[in-house]
C-alpha atoms as a PDB file:
ATOM      1  CA  MET A   1     -24.857 -77.900   6.884  1.00  0.00           C
ATOM      2  CA  LYS A   2     -22.190 -79.778   4.928  1.00  0.00           C
ATOM      3  CA  VAL A   3     -20.207 -83.192   6.268  1.00  0.00           C
ATOM      4  CA  VAL A   4     -17.260 -82.338   6.830  1.00  0.00           C
ATOM      5  CA  LEU A   5     -14.385 -84.443   8.735  1.00  0.00           C
ATOM      6  CA  CYS A   6     -12.248 -83.848  11.758  1.00  0.00           C
ATOM      7  CA  MET A   7      -9.221 -85.318  12.792  1.00  0.00           C
ATOM      8  CA  ALA A   8      -9.428 -88.919  14.817  1.00  0.00           C
ATOM      9  CA  ALA A   9      -6.947 -89.311  17.759  1.00  0.00           C
ATOM     10  CA  ALA A  10      -4.881 -92.372  16.072  1.00  0.00           C
ATOM     11  CA  MET A  11      -4.279 -90.801  13.120  1.00  0.00           C
ATOM     12  CA  THR A  12      -0.334 -91.450  11.444  1.00  0.00           C
ATOM     13  CA  ALA A  13      -0.747 -90.229   8.480  1.00  0.00           C
ATOM     14  CA  LEU A  14      -1.216 -86.259   7.130  1.00  0.00           C
ATOM     15  CA  THR A  15      -4.737 -87.336   5.934  1.00  0.00           C
ATOM     16  CA  PHE A  16      -8.331 -86.699   7.009  1.00  0.00           C
ATOM     17  CA  ALA A  17      -9.919 -89.579   8.938  1.00  0.00           C
ATOM     18  CA  MET A  18     -14.218 -90.172  10.280  1.00  0.00           C
ATOM     19  CA  PRO A  19     -14.746 -88.872  13.451  1.00  0.00           C
ATOM     20  CA  THR A  20     -17.025 -89.846  16.040  1.00  0.00           C
ATOM     21  CA  LEU A  21     -20.424 -88.384  15.192  1.00  0.00           C
ATOM     22  CA  ALA A  22     -21.517 -85.872  18.225  1.00  0.00           C
ATOM     23  CA  GLN A  23     -24.520 -86.640  19.932  1.00  0.00           C
ATOM     24  CA  ASP A  24     -27.113 -84.641  18.197  1.00  0.00           C
ATOM     25  CA  GLY A  25     -24.822 -85.531  14.991  1.00  0.00           C
ATOM     26  CA  GLU A  26     -23.675 -82.479  14.061  1.00  0.00           C
ATOM     27  CA  PRO A  27     -20.338 -82.038  12.317  1.00  0.00           C
ATOM     28  CA  ILE A  28     -18.680 -78.252  13.373  1.00  0.00           C
ATOM     29  CA  ASP A  29     -15.863 -76.733  12.070  1.00  0.00           C
ATOM     30  CA  LEU A  30     -13.453 -74.596  13.666  1.00  0.00           C
ATOM     31  CA  SER A  31     -11.384 -72.036  12.118  1.00  0.00           C
ATOM     32  CA  LEU A  32      -7.903 -71.493  13.629  1.00  0.00           C
ATOM     33  CA  THR A  33      -6.868 -68.018  12.699  1.00  0.00           C
ATOM     34  CA  ASP A  34      -3.084 -67.961  13.041  1.00  0.00           C
ATOM     35  CA  VAL A  35       0.065 -70.077  13.734  1.00  0.00           C
ATOM     36  CA  SER A  36       0.815 -69.749  16.988  1.00  0.00           C
ATOM     37  CA  LEU A  37       1.405 -71.669  19.909  1.00  0.00           C
ATOM     38  CA  ASN A  38      -1.920 -70.402  21.837  1.00  0.00           C
ATOM     39  CA  LYS A  39      -3.419 -72.883  18.957  1.00  0.00           C
ATOM     40  CA  ILE A  40      -1.548 -76.125  19.814  1.00  0.00           C
ATOM     41  CA  ALA A  41      -4.359 -76.871  22.565  1.00  0.00           C
ATOM     42  CA  PHE A  42      -6.781 -77.270  19.855  1.00  0.00           C
ATOM     43  CA  LEU A  43      -4.769 -79.522  17.802  1.00  0.00           C
ATOM     44  CA  VAL A  44      -3.599 -81.089  20.934  1.00  0.00           C
ATOM     45  CA  ALA A  45      -7.712 -81.863  21.823  1.00  0.00           C
ATOM     46  CA  GLY A  46      -8.486 -83.285  18.332  1.00  0.00           C
ATOM     47  CA  ASP A  47      -5.294 -85.661  18.077  1.00  0.00           C
ATOM     48  CA  ASN A  48      -5.469 -86.806  21.404  1.00  0.00           C
ATOM     49  CA  GLY A  49      -9.232 -87.693  21.250  1.00  0.00           C
ATOM     50  CA  LEU A  50     -10.821 -85.081  23.812  1.00  0.00           C
ATOM     51  CA  TYR A  51     -13.503 -83.312  21.232  1.00  0.00           C
ATOM     52  CA  GLU A  52     -14.977 -86.894  21.150  1.00  0.00           C
ATOM     53  CA  LYS A  53     -14.754 -87.271  24.436  1.00  0.00           C
ATOM     54  CA  TYR A  54     -17.495 -84.722  25.119  1.00  0.00           C
ATOM     55  CA  GLY A  55     -19.484 -85.790  22.168  1.00  0.00           C
ATOM     56  CA  LEU A  56     -18.873 -83.344  19.557  1.00  0.00           C
ATOM     57  CA  ASN A  57     -16.946 -83.693  15.827  1.00  0.00           C
ATOM     58  CA  ILE A  58     -14.978 -81.076  15.017  1.00  0.00           C
ATOM     59  CA  HIS A  59     -13.235 -80.492  11.642  1.00  0.00           C
ATOM     60  CA  GLN A  60     -10.639 -77.913  12.518  1.00  0.00           C
ATOM     61  CA  PHE A  61      -8.345 -76.283  10.202  1.00  0.00           C
ATOM     62  CA  ILE A  62      -5.672 -73.417   9.594  1.00  0.00           C
ATOM     63  CA  THR A  63      -7.145 -70.688   7.492  1.00  0.00           C
ATOM     64  CA  LYS A  64      -5.369 -69.840   4.529  1.00  0.00           C
ATOM     65  CA  GLY A  65      -4.194 -66.527   5.244  1.00  0.00           C
ATOM     66  CA  ALA A  66      -2.659 -67.503   8.235  1.00  0.00           C
ATOM     67  CA  ALA A  67      -1.308 -70.237   6.412  1.00  0.00           C
ATOM     68  CA  ASP A  68       0.024 -67.811   3.866  1.00  0.00           C
ATOM     69  CA  ARG A  69       1.505 -64.972   5.894  1.00  0.00           C
ATOM     70  CA  ILE A  70       3.858 -67.688   8.268  1.00  0.00           C
ATOM     71  CA  SER A  71       4.718 -69.369   5.132  1.00  0.00           C
ATOM     72  CA  ARG A  72       7.148 -66.191   4.315  1.00  0.00           C
ATOM     73  CA  SER A  73       8.848 -66.892   7.083  1.00  0.00           C
ATOM     74  CA  GLY A  74      10.164 -70.534   6.411  1.00  0.00           C
ATOM     75  CA  VAL A  75       6.997 -72.337   8.493  1.00  0.00           C
ATOM     76  CA  THR A  76       5.154 -74.462   6.393  1.00  0.00           C
ATOM     77  CA  VAL A  77       1.658 -76.051   7.164  1.00  0.00           C
ATOM     78  CA  PRO A  78       0.796 -79.365   5.068  1.00  0.00           C
ATOM     79  CA  THR A  79      -2.063 -78.234   2.146  1.00  0.00           C
ATOM     80  CA  GLU A  80      -4.414 -80.822   4.370  1.00  0.00           C
ATOM     81  CA  PHE A  81      -4.678 -79.002   7.391  1.00  0.00           C
ATOM     82  CA  ILE A  82      -5.008 -75.480   5.190  1.00  0.00           C
ATOM     83  CA  GLY A  83      -9.220 -74.514   5.092  1.00  0.00           C
ATOM     84  CA  THR A  84     -10.931 -72.611   2.312  1.00  0.00           C
ATOM     85  CA  LYS A  85     -11.753 -69.013   2.603  1.00  0.00           C
ATOM     86  CA  GLU A  86     -15.348 -69.779   2.774  1.00  0.00           C
ATOM     87  CA  GLN A  87     -15.160 -72.017   5.656  1.00  0.00           C
ATOM     88  CA  GLY A  88     -13.258 -69.522   7.889  1.00  0.00           C
ATOM     89  CA  ASP A  89     -15.816 -67.180   7.097  1.00  0.00           C
ATOM     90  CA  LYS A  90     -18.828 -69.661   8.558  1.00  0.00           C
ATOM     91  CA  ALA A  91     -17.296 -71.355  11.053  1.00  0.00           C
ATOM     92  CA  PRO A  92     -19.302 -71.318  14.116  1.00  0.00           C
ATOM     93  CA  ILE A  93     -16.588 -71.406  16.390  1.00  0.00           C
ATOM     94  CA  SER A  94     -13.236 -69.593  15.468  1.00  0.00           C
ATOM     95  CA  ILE A  95     -10.070 -69.186  17.477  1.00  0.00           C
ATOM     96  CA  GLY A  96      -8.074 -66.217  17.554  1.00  0.00           C
ATOM     97  CA  GLY A  97      -7.628 -62.534  18.605  1.00  0.00           C
ATOM     98  CA  GLY A  98     -10.421 -60.677  19.935  1.00  0.00           C
ATOM     99  CA  SER A  99      -8.740 -57.422  19.492  1.00  0.00           C
ATOM    100  CA  PRO A 100      -8.778 -57.923  15.397  1.00  0.00           C
ATOM    101  CA  LEU A 101     -12.603 -59.372  15.935  1.00  0.00           C
ATOM    102  CA  ILE A 102     -13.936 -56.471  17.386  1.00  0.00           C
ATOM    103  CA  TYR A 103     -12.198 -54.135  15.061  1.00  0.00           C
ATOM    104  CA  SER A 104     -13.359 -56.673  12.033  1.00  0.00           C
ATOM    105  CA  MET A 105     -16.813 -56.572  13.408  1.00  0.00           C
ATOM    106  CA  THR A 106     -16.857 -52.423  14.138  1.00  0.00           C
ATOM    107  CA  ALA A 107     -14.938 -50.761  11.294  1.00  0.00           C
ATOM    108  CA  HIS A 108     -16.587 -53.381   8.572  1.00  0.00           C
ATOM    109  CA  PRO A 109     -20.074 -54.128   9.727  1.00  0.00           C
ATOM    110  CA  GLU A 110     -21.020 -54.616   5.952  1.00  0.00           C
ATOM    111  CA  ARG A 111     -18.947 -58.124   6.282  1.00  0.00           C
ATOM    112  CA  GLY A 112     -22.052 -59.562   8.766  1.00  0.00           C
ATOM    113  CA  VAL A 113     -19.508 -60.347  11.315  1.00  0.00           C
ATOM    114  CA  ASP A 114     -20.929 -61.339  15.036  1.00  0.00           C
ATOM    115  CA  ARG A 115     -19.551 -63.232  17.355  1.00  0.00           C
ATOM    116  CA  VAL A 116     -19.129 -62.830  21.240  1.00  0.00           C
ATOM    117  CA  ILE A 117     -15.715 -64.131  23.208  1.00  0.00           C
ATOM    118  CA  VAL A 118     -16.519 -66.953  25.711  1.00  0.00           C
ATOM    119  CA  ALA A 119     -12.721 -67.885  26.464  1.00  0.00           C
ATOM    120  CA  THR A 120      -9.508 -66.095  26.210  1.00  0.00           C
ATOM    121  CA  THR A 121      -6.437 -68.169  26.750  1.00  0.00           C
ATOM    122  CA  ASP A 122      -3.703 -65.055  26.104  1.00  0.00           C
ATOM    123  CA  SER A 123      -4.807 -61.902  27.924  1.00  0.00           C
ATOM    124  CA  GLU A 124      -1.349 -60.525  28.700  1.00  0.00           C
ATOM    125  CA  ALA A 125       1.028 -59.032  25.867  1.00  0.00           C
ATOM    126  CA  ARG A 126       3.373 -61.895  25.173  1.00  0.00           C
ATOM    127  CA  PHE A 127       4.984 -61.154  21.983  1.00  0.00           C
ATOM    128  CA  HIS A 128       8.271 -59.756  21.329  1.00  0.00           C
ATOM    129  CA  ILE A 129       9.800 -57.337  18.779  1.00  0.00           C
ATOM    130  CA  ILE A 130      12.066 -59.228  16.673  1.00  0.00           C
ATOM    131  CA  ALA A 131      14.838 -56.565  14.985  1.00  0.00           C
ATOM    132  CA  ASN A 132      17.366 -56.292  12.107  1.00  0.00           C
ATOM    133  CA  SER A 133      21.260 -57.016  14.248  1.00  0.00           C
ATOM    134  CA  ALA A 134      22.004 -52.787  14.227  1.00  0.00           C
ATOM    135  CA  LEU A 135      19.684 -52.486  16.515  1.00  0.00           C
ATOM    136  CA  ASN A 136      20.354 -52.881  20.369  1.00  0.00           C
ATOM    137  CA  SER A 137      17.482 -51.328  22.417  1.00  0.00           C
ATOM    138  CA  ALA A 138      13.569 -50.217  22.142  1.00  0.00           C
ATOM    139  CA  GLY A 139      15.100 -46.859  21.902  1.00  0.00           C
ATOM    140  CA  ASP A 140      16.871 -47.693  18.629  1.00  0.00           C
ATOM    141  CA  LEU A 141      13.192 -48.176  17.315  1.00  0.00           C
ATOM    142  CA  LYS A 142      12.336 -44.373  16.866  1.00  0.00           C
ATOM    143  CA  GLY A 143      12.751 -42.929  13.941  1.00  0.00           C
ATOM    144  CA  LYS A 144      12.843 -46.806  12.108  1.00  0.00           C
ATOM    145  CA  ARG A 145       9.592 -48.992  10.647  1.00  0.00           C
ATOM    146  CA  LEU A 146       7.690 -51.537  12.264  1.00  0.00           C
ATOM    147  CA  GLY A 147       6.472 -54.477  10.994  1.00  0.00           C
ATOM    148  CA  PHE A 148       2.588 -55.553  11.822  1.00  0.00           C
ATOM    149  CA  SER A 149       0.140 -58.558  10.253  1.00  0.00           C
ATOM    150  CA  SER A 150      -3.319 -56.197   9.964  1.00  0.00           C
ATOM    151  CA  PRO A 151      -5.184 -53.802  11.263  1.00  0.00           C
ATOM    152  CA  GLY A 152      -6.791 -54.364  14.330  1.00  0.00           C
ATOM    153  CA  ALA A 153      -4.443 -57.887  15.210  1.00  0.00           C
ATOM    154  CA  VAL A 154      -3.073 -58.179  18.308  1.00  0.00           C
ATOM    155  CA  SER A 155       0.533 -57.415  16.740  1.00  0.00           C
ATOM    156  CA  HIS A 156      -1.054 -54.143  15.624  1.00  0.00           C
ATOM    157  CA  LEU A 157      -2.709 -53.397  19.059  1.00  0.00           C
ATOM    158  CA  MET A 158       0.600 -54.369  20.902  1.00  0.00           C
ATOM    159  CA  ALA A 159       2.465 -51.927  18.269  1.00  0.00           C
ATOM    160  CA  LEU A 160       0.216 -48.933  19.560  1.00  0.00           C
ATOM    161  CA  GLU A 161       0.328 -49.434  22.990  1.00  0.00           C
ATOM    162  CA  PHE A 162       4.459 -50.100  22.863  1.00  0.00           C
ATOM    163  CA  LEU A 163       4.129 -46.771  21.087  1.00  0.00           C
ATOM    164  CA  ARG A 164       2.136 -45.083  24.039  1.00  0.00           C
ATOM    165  CA  LYS A 165       4.423 -46.130  26.512  1.00  0.00           C
ATOM    166  CA  GLN A 166       7.305 -44.620  24.712  1.00  0.00           C
ATOM    167  CA  GLY A 167       5.923 -41.671  24.019  1.00  0.00           C
ATOM    168  CA  TRP A 168       5.997 -42.348  20.181  1.00  0.00           C
ATOM    169  CA  THR A 169       3.865 -40.869  17.817  1.00  0.00           C
ATOM    170  CA  PRO A 170       2.723 -43.016  14.992  1.00  0.00           C
ATOM    171  CA  ASP A 171       4.243 -42.239  11.911  1.00  0.00           C
ATOM    172  CA  GLN A 172       6.384 -39.088  13.168  1.00  0.00           C
ATOM    173  CA  ASP A 173       8.448 -40.937  15.739  1.00  0.00           C
ATOM    174  CA  ILE A 174       8.123 -44.603  13.754  1.00  0.00           C
ATOM    175  CA  THR A 175       6.432 -46.034  10.869  1.00  0.00           C
ATOM    176  CA  LEU A 176       4.044 -48.797  11.493  1.00  0.00           C
ATOM    177  CA  VAL A 177       4.203 -51.458   8.127  1.00  0.00           C
ATOM    178  CA  GLU A 178       0.946 -53.688   7.151  1.00  0.00           C
ATOM    179  CA  GLU A 179       2.012 -57.342   6.476  1.00  0.00           C
ATOM    180  CA  GLY A 180       4.998 -56.360   7.863  1.00  0.00           C
ATOM    181  CA  MET A 181       5.166 -59.545  10.607  1.00  0.00           C
ATOM    182  CA  ASP A 182       7.738 -61.316   8.968  1.00  0.00           C
ATOM    183  CA  TYR A 183      11.687 -62.336   8.229  1.00  0.00           C
ATOM    184  CA  SER A 184      11.132 -62.139   4.273  1.00  0.00           C
ATOM    185  CA  ARG A 185      10.335 -58.658   4.419  1.00  0.00           C
ATOM    186  CA  LEU A 186      12.995 -57.789   7.633  1.00  0.00           C
ATOM    187  CA  LYS A 187      15.473 -59.605   5.767  1.00  0.00           C
ATOM    188  CA  SER A 188      15.193 -57.468   2.294  1.00  0.00           C
ATOM    189  CA  GLY A 189      14.780 -54.005   4.937  1.00  0.00           C
ATOM    190  CA  GLU A 190      11.375 -53.443   4.039  1.00  0.00           C
ATOM    191  CA  VAL A 191      10.904 -53.158   7.708  1.00  0.00           C
ATOM    192  CA  ASP A 192      13.869 -52.878  10.328  1.00  0.00           C
ATOM    193  CA  ALA A 193      11.909 -54.596  13.309  1.00  0.00           C
ATOM    194  CA  PHE A 194       8.296 -56.308  13.393  1.00  0.00           C
ATOM    195  CA  ILE A 195       6.111 -57.963  16.381  1.00  0.00           C
ATOM    196  CA  GLY A 196       5.587 -61.610  16.378  1.00  0.00           C
ATOM    197  CA  SER A 197       4.381 -64.813  18.474  1.00  0.00           C
ATOM    198  CA  GLU A 198       6.706 -67.148  20.036  1.00  0.00           C
ATOM    199  CA  ILE A 199       7.326 -69.136  16.791  1.00  0.00           C
ATOM    200  CA  TYR A 200       8.743 -65.665  14.853  1.00  0.00           C
ATOM    201  CA  TYR A 201      10.763 -64.892  17.929  1.00  0.00           C
ATOM    202  CA  THR A 202      12.222 -68.366  18.724  1.00  0.00           C
ATOM    203  CA  MET A 203      13.129 -68.533  15.340  1.00  0.00           C
ATOM    204  CA  ALA A 204      15.425 -64.970  15.356  1.00  0.00           C
ATOM    205  CA  GLU A 205      18.817 -66.300  16.149  1.00  0.00           C
ATOM    206  CA  GLN A 206      18.596 -68.923  12.811  1.00  0.00           C
ATOM    207  CA  ASN A 207      17.328 -65.881  10.542  1.00  0.00           C
ATOM    208  CA  GLY A 208      20.528 -63.699  11.410  1.00  0.00           C
ATOM    209  CA  ALA A 209      18.260 -61.398  13.372  1.00  0.00           C
ATOM    210  CA  LYS A 210      17.639 -60.149  16.945  1.00  0.00           C
ATOM    211  CA  ASP A 211      15.135 -61.145  19.915  1.00  0.00           C
ATOM    212  CA  LEU A 212      15.258 -57.414  20.822  1.00  0.00           C
ATOM    213  CA  VAL A 213      12.109 -56.609  23.180  1.00  0.00           C
ATOM    214  CA  ASN A 214       9.992 -58.615  25.497  1.00  0.00           C
ATOM    215  CA  LEU A 215       6.697 -57.323  24.979  1.00  0.00           C
ATOM    216  CA  GLN A 216       5.719 -58.617  28.273  1.00  0.00           C
ATOM    217  CA  ASP A 217       8.125 -56.356  30.000  1.00  0.00           C
ATOM    218  CA  TYR A 218       5.515 -53.447  29.456  1.00  0.00           C
ATOM    219  CA  ASN A 219       2.361 -55.482  31.438  1.00  0.00           C
ATOM    220  CA  PHE A 220       0.023 -54.134  29.057  1.00  0.00           C
ATOM    221  CA  PRO A 221      -3.232 -56.384  29.083  1.00  0.00           C
ATOM    222  CA  ILE A 222      -4.512 -57.621  25.540  1.00  0.00           C
ATOM    223  CA  ALA A 223      -7.571 -59.369  24.073  1.00  0.00           C
ATOM    224  CA  GLY A 224      -5.659 -62.148  22.547  1.00  0.00           C
ATOM    225  CA  SER A 225      -6.286 -65.228  21.357  1.00  0.00           C
ATOM    226  CA  GLY A 226      -9.503 -66.916  22.400  1.00  0.00           C
ATOM    227  CA  VAL A 227     -12.182 -68.804  21.573  1.00  0.00           C
ATOM    228  CA  ASN A 228     -14.886 -66.409  19.703  1.00  0.00           C
ATOM    229  CA  VAL A 229     -18.280 -68.351  18.595  1.00  0.00           C
ATOM    230  CA  ASP A 230     -20.999 -66.865  16.216  1.00  0.00           C
ATOM    231  CA  ARG A 231     -23.652 -64.999  18.044  1.00  0.00           C
ATOM    232  CA  ALA A 232     -26.672 -66.943  16.519  1.00  0.00           C
ATOM    233  CA  TRP A 233     -25.446 -70.258  16.843  1.00  0.00           C
ATOM    234  CA  LEU A 234     -24.493 -69.285  20.306  1.00  0.00           C
ATOM    235  CA  ALA A 235     -27.681 -68.801  21.053  1.00  0.00           C
ATOM    236  CA  GLU A 236     -28.790 -72.466  19.856  1.00  0.00           C
ATOM    237  CA  HIS A 237     -25.579 -74.599  21.190  1.00  0.00           C
ATOM    238  CA  ARG A 238     -24.828 -73.801  24.319  1.00  0.00           C
ATOM    239  CA  GLU A 239     -24.565 -77.297  25.833  1.00  0.00           C
ATOM    240  CA  GLU A 240     -21.578 -77.678  22.740  1.00  0.00           C
ATOM    241  CA  THR A 241     -19.723 -74.755  23.600  1.00  0.00           C
ATOM    242  CA  MET A 242     -19.356 -75.599  26.905  1.00  0.00           C
ATOM    243  CA  ASN A 243     -18.500 -79.065  26.050  1.00  0.00           C
ATOM    244  CA  PHE A 244     -15.888 -77.112  23.421  1.00  0.00           C
ATOM    245  CA  LEU A 245     -14.451 -75.300  26.015  1.00  0.00           C
ATOM    246  CA  LYS A 246     -14.250 -78.201  28.468  1.00  0.00           C
ATOM    247  CA  ALA A 247     -12.072 -80.095  25.708  1.00  0.00           C
ATOM    248  CA  MET A 248     -10.241 -76.963  25.571  1.00  0.00           C
ATOM    249  CA  ILE A 249      -9.328 -76.885  29.178  1.00  0.00           C
ATOM    250  CA  GLU A 250      -8.476 -80.422  29.723  1.00  0.00           C
ATOM    251  CA  ALA A 251      -6.238 -79.788  26.499  1.00  0.00           C
ATOM    252  CA  TYR A 252      -3.689 -77.054  28.006  1.00  0.00           C
ATOM    253  CA  ALA A 253      -3.846 -79.535  31.448  1.00  0.00           C
ATOM    254  CA  LEU A 254      -2.561 -81.980  28.808  1.00  0.00           C
ATOM    255  CA  MET A 255      -0.080 -80.124  27.735  1.00  0.00           C
ATOM    256  CA  LYS A 256       1.432 -78.765  31.058  1.00  0.00           C
ATOM    257  CA  LYS A 257       2.063 -82.019  32.369  1.00  0.00           C
ATOM    258  CA  ASP A 258       2.542 -84.154  28.696  1.00  0.00           C
ATOM    259  CA  ARG A 259       5.246 -81.695  26.732  1.00  0.00           C
ATOM    260  CA  GLY A 260       5.296 -85.032  24.347  1.00  0.00           C
ATOM    261  CA  VAL A 261       1.551 -83.849  22.806  1.00  0.00           C
ATOM    262  CA  VAL A 262       3.045 -80.418  22.265  1.00  0.00           C
ATOM    263  CA  GLU A 263       6.012 -81.830  20.828  1.00  0.00           C
ATOM    264  CA  ALA A 264       3.343 -83.514  18.663  1.00  0.00           C
ATOM    265  CA  ALA A 265       1.430 -81.243  17.251  1.00  0.00           C
ATOM    266  CA  LEU A 266       4.137 -78.214  16.416  1.00  0.00           C
ATOM    267  CA  GLY A 267       5.413 -81.723  14.336  1.00  0.00           C
ATOM    268  CA  LYS A 268       2.707 -82.656  12.463  1.00  0.00           C
ATOM    269  CA  TRP A 269       0.697 -79.144  12.119  1.00  0.00           C
ATOM    270  CA  TYR A 270       3.387 -76.629  11.476  1.00  0.00           C
ATOM    271  CA  GLY A 271       6.489 -78.766  10.837  1.00  0.00           C
ATOM    272  CA  VAL A 272       8.834 -77.455  13.588  1.00  0.00           C
ATOM    273  CA  SER A 273      10.565 -80.080  15.345  1.00  0.00           C
ATOM    274  CA  ASP A 274      13.990 -78.060  16.103  1.00  0.00           C
ATOM    275  CA  PRO A 275      15.125 -78.897  20.104  1.00  0.00           C
ATOM    276  CA  GLU A 276      15.610 -75.362  20.226  1.00  0.00           C
ATOM    277  CA  GLN A 277      12.616 -74.124  19.042  1.00  0.00           C
ATOM    278  CA  VAL A 278      10.231 -76.411  20.934  1.00  0.00           C
ATOM    279  CA  ASP A 279      12.222 -75.928  23.946  1.00  0.00           C
ATOM    280  CA  ASP A 280      11.238 -72.020  23.576  1.00  0.00           C
ATOM    281  CA  MET A 281       7.849 -72.583  22.651  1.00  0.00           C
ATOM    282  CA  TYR A 282       7.160 -75.052  24.934  1.00  0.00           C
ATOM    283  CA  ALA A 283       8.085 -72.859  27.686  1.00  0.00           C
ATOM    284  CA  GLN A 284       5.396 -70.377  26.768  1.00  0.00           C
ATOM    285  CA  VAL A 285       2.515 -73.314  27.517  1.00  0.00           C
ATOM    286  CA  GLY A 286       3.177 -73.112  31.877  1.00  0.00           C
ATOM    287  CA  THR A 287       2.302 -68.858  30.824  1.00  0.00           C
ATOM    288  CA  THR A 288      -0.844 -69.553  29.826  1.00  0.00           C
ATOM    289  CA  PRO A 289      -4.415 -68.898  32.272  1.00  0.00           C
ATOM    290  CA  GLN A 290      -5.872 -71.847  33.726  1.00  0.00           C
ATOM    291  CA  LYS A 291      -9.162 -70.238  33.860  1.00  0.00           C
ATOM    292  CA  PRO A 292      -9.234 -68.716  30.405  1.00  0.00           C
ATOM    293  CA  TYR A 293     -11.937 -66.110  31.554  1.00  0.00           C
ATOM    294  CA  PRO A 294     -12.005 -63.584  28.270  1.00  0.00           C
ATOM    295  CA  GLY A 295      -9.849 -61.104  28.709  1.00  0.00           C
ATOM    296  CA  ILE A 296     -12.030 -57.935  30.012  1.00  0.00           C
ATOM    297  CA  ASP A 297      -9.455 -55.013  30.554  1.00  0.00           C
ATOM    298  CA  GLY A 298      -7.680 -56.209  26.768  1.00  0.00           C
ATOM    299  CA  ILE A 299     -11.437 -55.565  25.193  1.00  0.00           C
ATOM    300  CA  ARG A 300     -11.182 -52.498  27.233  1.00  0.00           C
ATOM    301  CA  LEU A 301      -7.981 -51.476  25.758  1.00  0.00           C
ATOM    302  CA  VAL A 302      -9.571 -52.298  22.422  1.00  0.00           C
ATOM    303  CA  LYS A 303     -11.633 -49.784  22.980  1.00  0.00           C
ATOM    304  CA  GLU A 304      -9.199 -47.164  23.934  1.00  0.00           C
ATOM    305  CA  LEU A 305      -6.756 -47.362  21.050  1.00  0.00           C
ATOM    306  CA  TYR A 306      -9.595 -48.131  18.355  1.00  0.00           C
ATOM    307  CA  HIS A 307     -12.392 -45.282  17.495  1.00  0.00           C
ATOM    308  CA  ASN A 308     -15.483 -45.881  14.878  1.00  0.00           C
ATOM    309  CA  PRO A 309     -19.235 -44.853  15.306  1.00  0.00           C
ATOM    310  CA  VAL A 310     -19.995 -48.697  16.069  1.00  0.00           C
ATOM    311  CA  LEU A 311     -17.512 -49.406  18.774  1.00  0.00           C
ATOM    312  CA  ASP A 312     -17.748 -46.165  20.418  1.00  0.00           C
ATOM    313  CA  SER A 313     -21.631 -46.600  20.686  1.00  0.00           C
ATOM    314  CA  HIS A 314     -21.085 -50.265  22.508  1.00  0.00           C
ATOM    315  CA  ASP A 315     -19.832 -50.950  26.173  1.00  0.00           C
ATOM    316  CA  ALA A 316     -17.050 -53.704  26.276  1.00  0.00           C
ATOM    317  CA  ALA A 317     -19.515 -56.055  28.033  1.00  0.00           C
ATOM    318  CA  GLN A 318     -21.588 -56.162  24.405  1.00  0.00           C
ATOM    319  CA  PHE A 319     -17.905 -58.072  22.651  1.00  0.00           C
ATOM    320  CA  TYR A 320     -18.222 -61.304  25.635  1.00  0.00           C
ATOM    321  CA  ASP A 321     -20.010 -63.513  27.106  1.00  0.00           C
ATOM    322  CA  GLU A 322     -18.044 -64.679  30.955  1.00  0.00           C
ATOM    323  CA  SER A 323     -21.011 -66.675  31.575  1.00  0.00           C
ATOM    324  CA  PHE A 324     -19.171 -70.204  29.927  1.00  0.00           C
ATOM    325  CA  VAL A 325     -16.303 -70.236  32.301  1.00  0.00           C
ATOM    326  CA  ALA A 326     -17.842 -68.975  35.100  1.00  0.00           C
ATOM    327  CA  GLU A 327     -19.740 -71.901  35.143  1.00  0.00           C
ATOM    328  CA  LEU A 328     -16.629 -74.292  34.838  1.00  0.00           C
ATOM    329  CA  ASP A 329     -14.840 -72.726  37.568  1.00  0.00           C
ATOM    330  CA  LYS A 330     -17.770 -72.678  40.054  1.00  0.00           C
ATOM    331  CA  SER A 331     -18.773 -75.724  39.208  1.00  0.00           C
ATOM    332  CA  GLY A 332     -15.056 -77.236  39.964  1.00  0.00           C
ATOM    333  CA  PHE A 333     -14.325 -78.201  36.742  1.00  0.00           C
ATOM    334  CA  ILE A 334     -11.124 -76.742  36.171  1.00  0.00           C
ATOM    335  CA  ASP A 335      -9.626 -77.167  39.992  1.00  0.00           C
ATOM    336  CA  LYS A 336     -10.378 -81.240  38.766  1.00  0.00           C
ATOM    337  CA  VAL A 337      -9.000 -81.641  35.566  1.00  0.00           C
ATOM    338  CA  TYR A 338      -5.478 -79.703  36.439  1.00  0.00           C
ATOM    339  CA  ALA A 339      -5.330 -81.799  39.984  1.00  0.00           C
ATOM    340  CA  ALA A 340      -5.878 -85.510  37.661  1.00  0.00           C
ATOM    341  CA  PRO A 341      -2.506 -86.998  37.579  1.00  0.00           C
ATOM    342  CA  LYS A 342      -1.303 -87.553  34.466  1.00  0.00           C
ATOM    343  CA  ALA A 343      -2.490 -90.589  32.133  1.00  0.00           C
ATOM    344  CA  ASN A 344      -0.134 -93.295  31.957  1.00  0.00           C
END
């Protein structure tokens, strides 16, 4: 694997610095597949030396597709933090939704993606439906156009389950619009509403839109954002995977104790500094699970909502490995990290 660089904790400019090498000298690419709050823990881990603490040499980047999508809603990711498509495809660790991962692996096996979910940091629906100002309730969405990102994505899964809860049928009661998850398409009238994460719904007012529906009120499980590891790489790198999860868990604990590290990451990586938006986003930090077991109920929901021969032929257990989080839980590591006092 080519030698790459990772973010150093002391970096003050938007440049990469040479990290401490991992114990075995192996650099590890880490792909962040969307721009949202549930990726901040990894940015915090990199910016505060937690990867190095656990002997890891991590080079993390936001995928080009994710950066392009969020740019249509006015959030600009610095080019220094955007990885190439090749890097994204080959990264042994990917942070993203379990739903799109499972959908892609089974609907398009020819792409050769074979990853396993080892942790889920987003296991219940927390996205919102953002609408134009003419809509006043969930019922007003009937007969309208609802945007999502791409087939199989978490936003698509939430759209399908929301419709099922409403008793609606896609294309008959409502039109689902692919690549419709952005303010530009809402403002142009191409969609009447879209499903988006906290970085979207905290911008509703400033975009003249309405935060219409909180999907958390519907209490359905999802296979949301988490740690997805190449299956072949995982077999040879269990120690690195365990250490990566330790750094992630410690980053989440740090975020809950120190708002400042979250503000710094939002500003540096996403260019988000509006106080009200930061307030709204930080309020969601406390809802993240302390013990990020794979979202098994959400994985089962993927199997309910999507069907293809490959997906139908596998049990849900094919797509996850909960042994890593279970070991960290039973050893007391997680409880100790959260019990530790805030550093001065």
